[in-house]
Amino acid sequence: MIKKLILLLIFLSVNVHATSVSFLWGNNFRDDLGYDSKKLTMTIEHFGVWDHGTVFFYYDITEPFSDSRGDSNQFFGGISPTFSLSSLTGRKWSYGVIKDVSIRLELENGSGYGQFNFRNYFYGLQYDLALPGFDFFSFNTVLRDNPNRNGVGFQIGTFWQMSWTLSDLTRYKFTGFLAAAPFDGNGTKQEFNPMIDRKGRFLMTQPQFLYDLGYLLHGKPDRLEIGIELLVALNRYQLSNRNEYAPQAMIKMSY
């Protein structure tokens, strides 16, 4: 109940926000991970800035327009508020390229393979960096609490975006994220699924290269973008040697 009240207060105090809906289509996915080699994904994202930090929400829906009840219908999402230590303490938490340090929390859940629900909790720190050429670049180190494994693990992640305008009609964006776990919980024994990597290791990144079509047509940046996303996953779903490399066509609408 307390967690829900905290999240509600954060949403009510958000004063800068951006929401987007994206559609991605690719045909090079593994067909042994609970879905076909071809896949359509709808992604809903929301980012807001509040008085003491930020809040980010995302939700992936696999095959959103399919009436199939099989494993191809999946969902995956999470919500992550951050709490700026500079704002909370009244002193600057900055050093060199580090602009600020924040407490980062995250709740992640989904339906793995279309039938096995799961959730993970993350607790740690986020470091906002000022790097030349980037609109933003964040790095985080968090504890990964998987209820299906004994103990807690460790995960690192990055989020980035850089954009540039080549003319009055041409604007591009390079953005994405990377997440990796060198270990997850108690890796001294096999867990309930013997296919899971013994230490729960995985790496996943989804860089995107986008062309700002809205800027060309209406002079309004960040409203309508088209491009590609490359999904790279090592030990996908923490399954040993289940690697995936899938380029996807992408359209993104924001407001």
Protein backbone atom coordinates (compact mmCIF):
# COMPACT_ATOMS: atom_id res chain seq x y z
CA MET A 1 0.00 0.00 0.00
CA ILE A 2 2.81 2.42 0.88
CA LYS A 3 4.53 1.74 -2.47
CA LYS A 4 1.30 2.51 -4.34
CA LEU A 5 0.85 5.79 -2.44
CA ILE A 6 4.43 6.84 -3.22
CA LEU A 7 3.96 6.15 -6.94
CA LEU A 8 0.61 7.99 -6.95
CA LEU A 9 2.17 11.06 -5.32
CA ILE A 10 4.98 11.01 -7.89
CA PHE A 11 2.52 10.89 -10.81
CA LEU A 12 0.44 13.71 -9.36
CA SER A 13 3.51 15.96 -9.01
CA VAL A 14 4.91 15.33 -12.52
CA ASN A 15 5.24 18.66 -14.34
CA VAL A 16 7.25 17.71 -17.45
CA HIS A 17 6.31 14.56 -19.32
CA ALA A 18 6.45 12.72 -22.65
CA THR A 19 4.41 9.74 -23.79
CA SER A 20 4.94 7.59 -26.88
CA VAL A 21 3.52 4.55 -28.65
CA SER A 22 5.80 2.51 -30.94
CA PHE A 23 5.24 -0.40 -33.28
CA LEU A 24 8.15 -2.72 -34.14
CA TRP A 25 8.24 -5.60 -36.59
CA GLY A 26 11.03 -8.14 -37.10
CA ASN A 27 11.39 -11.63 -38.54
CA ASN A 28 14.64 -13.01 -37.13
CA PHE A 29 13.57 -14.03 -33.64
CA ARG A 30 14.24 -17.45 -32.16
CA ASP A 31 11.22 -19.69 -32.53
CA ASP A 32 12.04 -21.75 -29.43
CA LEU A 33 11.45 -19.01 -26.85
CA GLY A 34 7.68 -19.02 -26.86
CA TYR A 35 6.88 -17.08 -30.02
CA ASP A 36 7.26 -17.27 -33.78
CA SER A 37 10.30 -16.04 -35.69
CA LYS A 38 8.15 -13.11 -36.92
CA LYS A 39 6.88 -10.74 -34.28
CA LEU A 40 4.95 -7.46 -33.97
CA THR A 41 5.44 -5.54 -30.73
CA MET A 42 3.61 -2.48 -29.46
CA THR A 43 5.54 -0.44 -26.88
CA ILE A 44 4.00 2.21 -24.64
CA GLU A 45 6.42 4.54 -22.82
CA HIS A 46 6.00 7.46 -20.45
CA PHE A 47 8.71 9.65 -18.95
CA GLY A 48 8.08 12.42 -16.44
CA VAL A 49 10.07 14.83 -14.30
CA TRP A 50 8.83 15.60 -10.82
CA ASP A 51 10.13 17.79 -8.00
CA HIS A 52 12.60 15.24 -6.65
CA GLY A 53 13.48 13.08 -9.64
CA THR A 54 11.95 11.25 -12.58
CA VAL A 55 9.54 8.43 -13.29
CA PHE A 56 9.66 6.09 -16.30
CA PHE A 57 7.01 3.58 -17.33
CA TYR A 58 7.12 1.14 -20.25
CA TYR A 59 4.97 -1.73 -21.47
CA ASP A 60 5.60 -4.14 -24.37
CA ILE A 61 2.70 -6.10 -25.87
CA THR A 62 3.60 -8.87 -28.30
CA GLU A 63 1.17 -9.44 -31.20
CA PRO A 64 -1.34 -6.87 -29.88
CA PHE A 65 -3.79 -7.42 -32.74
CA SER A 66 -3.68 -11.20 -32.81
CA ASP A 67 -6.63 -13.21 -31.51
CA SER A 68 -4.37 -16.17 -30.81
CA ARG A 69 -4.28 -17.45 -27.25
CA GLY A 70 -0.98 -19.20 -27.74
CA ASP A 71 2.47 -18.30 -26.54
CA SER A 72 2.88 -15.52 -29.11
CA ASN A 73 0.78 -13.19 -26.95
CA GLN A 74 3.09 -11.83 -24.25
CA PHE A 75 3.55 -8.70 -22.20
CA PHE A 76 6.52 -7.18 -20.45
CA GLY A 77 6.86 -3.90 -18.62
CA GLY A 78 7.99 -1.98 -15.61
CA ILE A 79 7.93 1.28 -13.70
CA SER A 80 10.99 3.06 -12.33
CA PRO A 81 10.97 6.20 -10.16
CA THR A 82 14.22 7.95 -9.24
CA PHE A 83 14.89 10.24 -6.29
CA SER A 84 17.60 12.86 -6.80
CA LEU A 85 20.05 12.98 -3.90
CA SER A 86 20.86 16.59 -4.78
CA SER A 87 17.20 17.52 -4.40
CA LEU A 88 16.60 15.43 -1.30
CA THR A 89 19.70 16.55 0.62
CA GLY A 90 20.02 20.15 -0.60
CA ARG A 91 23.64 19.66 -1.69
CA LYS A 92 25.10 18.91 -5.08
CA TRP A 93 25.95 15.29 -5.79
CA SER A 94 28.15 16.03 -8.78
CA TYR A 95 31.73 15.28 -9.61
CA GLY A 96 33.47 15.53 -12.99
CA VAL A 97 31.12 14.19 -15.66
CA ILE A 98 28.59 13.07 -13.01
CA LYS A 99 25.78 15.64 -12.92
CA ASP A 100 23.70 13.96 -10.23
CA VAL A 101 23.21 10.72 -8.32
CA SER A 102 19.74 9.34 -7.66
CA ILE A 103 18.14 6.48 -5.77
CA ARG A 104 16.62 4.17 -8.37
CA LEU A 105 13.77 1.72 -7.76
CA GLU A 106 12.09 -0.49 -10.32
CA LEU A 107 9.33 -3.05 -10.52
CA GLU A 108 9.47 -5.30 -13.60
CA ASN A 109 6.94 -7.95 -14.55
CA GLY A 110 5.67 -9.88 -17.52
CA SER A 111 4.43 -13.17 -18.91
CA GLY A 112 7.46 -15.18 -19.97
CA TYR A 113 6.73 -17.53 -22.87
CA GLY A 114 3.13 -16.31 -22.82
CA GLN A 115 2.20 -18.43 -19.81
CA PHE A 116 4.64 -18.06 -16.88
CA ASN A 117 4.20 -14.76 -15.08
CA PHE A 118 7.27 -13.28 -13.43
CA ARG A 119 8.42 -10.17 -11.60
CA ASN A 120 11.71 -8.63 -10.49
CA TYR A 121 12.55 -5.82 -8.07
CA PHE A 122 15.53 -3.47 -8.38
CA TYR A 123 17.11 -1.19 -5.78
CA GLY A 124 20.20 0.93 -6.34
CA LEU A 125 21.74 4.10 -7.69
CA GLN A 126 21.55 5.98 -10.97
CA TYR A 127 24.29 8.29 -12.21
CA ASP A 128 23.37 11.02 -14.70
CA LEU A 129 26.41 11.90 -16.80
CA ALA A 130 27.23 14.96 -18.91
CA LEU A 131 28.93 13.48 -21.99
CA PRO A 132 29.72 15.49 -25.15
CA GLY A 133 27.27 14.89 -27.97
CA PHE A 134 24.61 13.19 -25.83
CA ASP A 135 21.21 14.65 -24.97
CA PHE A 136 21.36 12.45 -21.90
CA PHE A 137 23.35 9.47 -20.65
CA SER A 138 22.51 7.58 -17.47
CA PHE A 139 24.30 4.67 -15.84
CA ASN A 140 22.85 2.59 -13.01
CA THR A 141 24.02 -0.10 -10.59
CA VAL A 142 21.21 -1.98 -8.85
CA LEU A 143 20.50 -5.07 -6.79
CA ARG A 144 18.25 -7.49 -8.68
CA ASP A 145 15.71 -9.27 -6.50
CA ASN A 146 14.19 -12.23 -8.33
CA PRO A 147 11.63 -14.01 -6.08
CA ASN A 148 12.29 -17.26 -7.97
CA ARG A 149 15.95 -17.37 -6.95
CA ASN A 150 17.62 -17.44 -3.55
CA GLY A 151 19.38 -14.25 -2.52
CA VAL A 152 19.79 -11.14 -4.69
CA GLY A 153 21.81 -10.46 -7.80
CA PHE A 154 23.52 -7.47 -9.37
CA GLN A 155 22.70 -5.63 -12.57
CA ILE A 156 24.16 -2.70 -14.47
CA GLY A 157 22.41 -0.62 -17.09
CA THR A 158 22.70 2.41 -19.33
CA PHE A 159 20.25 4.67 -21.14
CA TRP A 160 21.31 7.17 -23.77
CA GLN A 161 20.14 9.52 -26.49
CA MET A 162 21.89 11.71 -28.99
CA SER A 163 20.19 13.73 -31.73
CA TRP A 164 21.44 15.95 -34.49
CA THR A 165 19.99 18.18 -37.20
CA LEU A 166 21.69 18.24 -40.60
CA SER A 167 19.39 20.80 -42.25
CA ASP A 168 16.08 22.56 -41.74
CA LEU A 169 14.33 19.36 -42.87
CA THR A 170 16.58 16.56 -41.63
CA ARG A 171 16.87 15.38 -38.03
CA TYR A 172 18.13 12.05 -36.64
CA LYS A 173 18.23 10.35 -33.26
CA PHE A 174 20.33 7.53 -31.79
CA THR A 175 18.92 6.16 -28.55
CA GLY A 176 18.55 2.94 -26.58
CA PHE A 177 19.47 1.01 -23.48
CA LEU A 178 21.69 -1.82 -22.27
CA ALA A 179 21.17 -4.09 -19.26
CA ALA A 180 23.45 -6.87 -18.04
CA ALA A 181 23.61 -9.12 -14.98
CA PRO A 182 26.91 -10.84 -14.14
CA PHE A 183 25.08 -12.91 -11.50
CA ASP A 184 21.54 -13.26 -10.20
CA GLY A 185 20.86 -14.68 -6.76
CA ASN A 186 22.35 -17.95 -5.58
CA GLY A 187 24.26 -19.42 -8.52
CA THR A 188 25.67 -22.40 -6.62
CA LYS A 189 22.88 -24.72 -7.71
CA GLN A 190 20.39 -25.18 -10.52
CA GLU A 191 17.04 -23.57 -9.87
CA PHE A 192 13.56 -24.75 -10.82
CA ASN A 193 14.39 -24.53 -14.55
CA PRO A 194 17.56 -26.48 -15.49
CA MET A 195 17.84 -24.49 -18.75
CA ILE A 196 18.48 -21.24 -16.86
CA ASP A 197 22.09 -20.10 -16.83
CA ARG A 198 23.70 -21.34 -13.61
CA LYS A 199 24.51 -17.80 -12.46
CA GLY A 200 21.53 -16.08 -14.07
CA ARG A 201 23.76 -14.10 -16.42
CA PHE A 202 22.36 -12.18 -19.37
CA LEU A 203 22.93 -9.12 -21.53
CA MET A 204 20.33 -7.25 -23.53
CA THR A 205 20.54 -4.06 -25.60
CA GLN A 206 18.15 -2.39 -28.01
CA PRO A 207 19.78 0.55 -29.84
CA GLN A 208 17.53 2.57 -32.13
CA PHE A 209 18.36 4.78 -35.11
CA LEU A 210 15.42 7.06 -35.96
CA TYR A 211 14.61 9.61 -38.64
CA ASP A 212 12.35 12.47 -37.51
CA LEU A 213 9.56 12.38 -40.08
CA GLY A 214 7.42 14.84 -38.12
CA TYR A 215 10.20 17.41 -38.27
CA LEU A 216 10.27 17.06 -42.05
CA LEU A 217 6.50 17.21 -42.60
CA HIS A 218 5.33 19.65 -39.95
CA GLY A 219 8.42 21.16 -38.37
CA LYS A 220 7.56 19.47 -35.06
CA PRO A 221 10.46 17.41 -33.67
CA ASP A 222 10.01 14.21 -31.66
CA ARG A 223 6.38 13.69 -32.74
CA LEU A 224 6.63 11.07 -35.51
CA GLU A 225 9.77 9.01 -36.10
CA ILE A 226 10.64 6.04 -38.29
CA GLY A 227 13.73 3.86 -38.28
CA ILE A 228 15.20 0.59 -37.07
CA GLU A 229 15.89 -1.09 -33.76
CA LEU A 230 18.44 -3.85 -33.28
CA LEU A 231 17.63 -6.29 -30.49
CA VAL A 232 20.69 -8.12 -29.17
CA ALA A 233 20.16 -10.59 -26.32
CA LEU A 234 22.68 -12.99 -24.82
CA ASN A 235 21.15 -15.70 -22.62
CA ARG A 236 17.67 -14.37 -23.42
CA TYR A 237 15.37 -14.81 -20.42
CA GLN A 238 18.54 -15.99 -18.61
CA LEU A 239 18.43 -19.25 -20.59
CA SER A 240 21.88 -20.66 -21.33
CA ASN A 241 23.04 -20.10 -24.91
CA ARG A 242 19.69 -18.70 -26.03
CA ASN A 243 21.08 -15.75 -27.96
CA GLU A 244 19.03 -13.52 -30.21
CA TYR A 245 19.86 -10.91 -32.87
CA ALA A 246 16.80 -9.31 -34.46
CA PRO A 247 16.64 -6.07 -36.49
CA GLN A 248 13.18 -4.50 -36.43
CA ALA A 249 11.42 -1.84 -38.47
CA MET A 250 10.00 0.82 -36.17
CA ILE A 251 7.52 3.70 -36.13
CA LYS A 252 7.18 5.89 -33.03
CA MET A 253 4.46 8.43 -32.25
CA SER A 254 4.91 10.83 -29.33
CA TYR A 255 3.05 13.69 -27.68
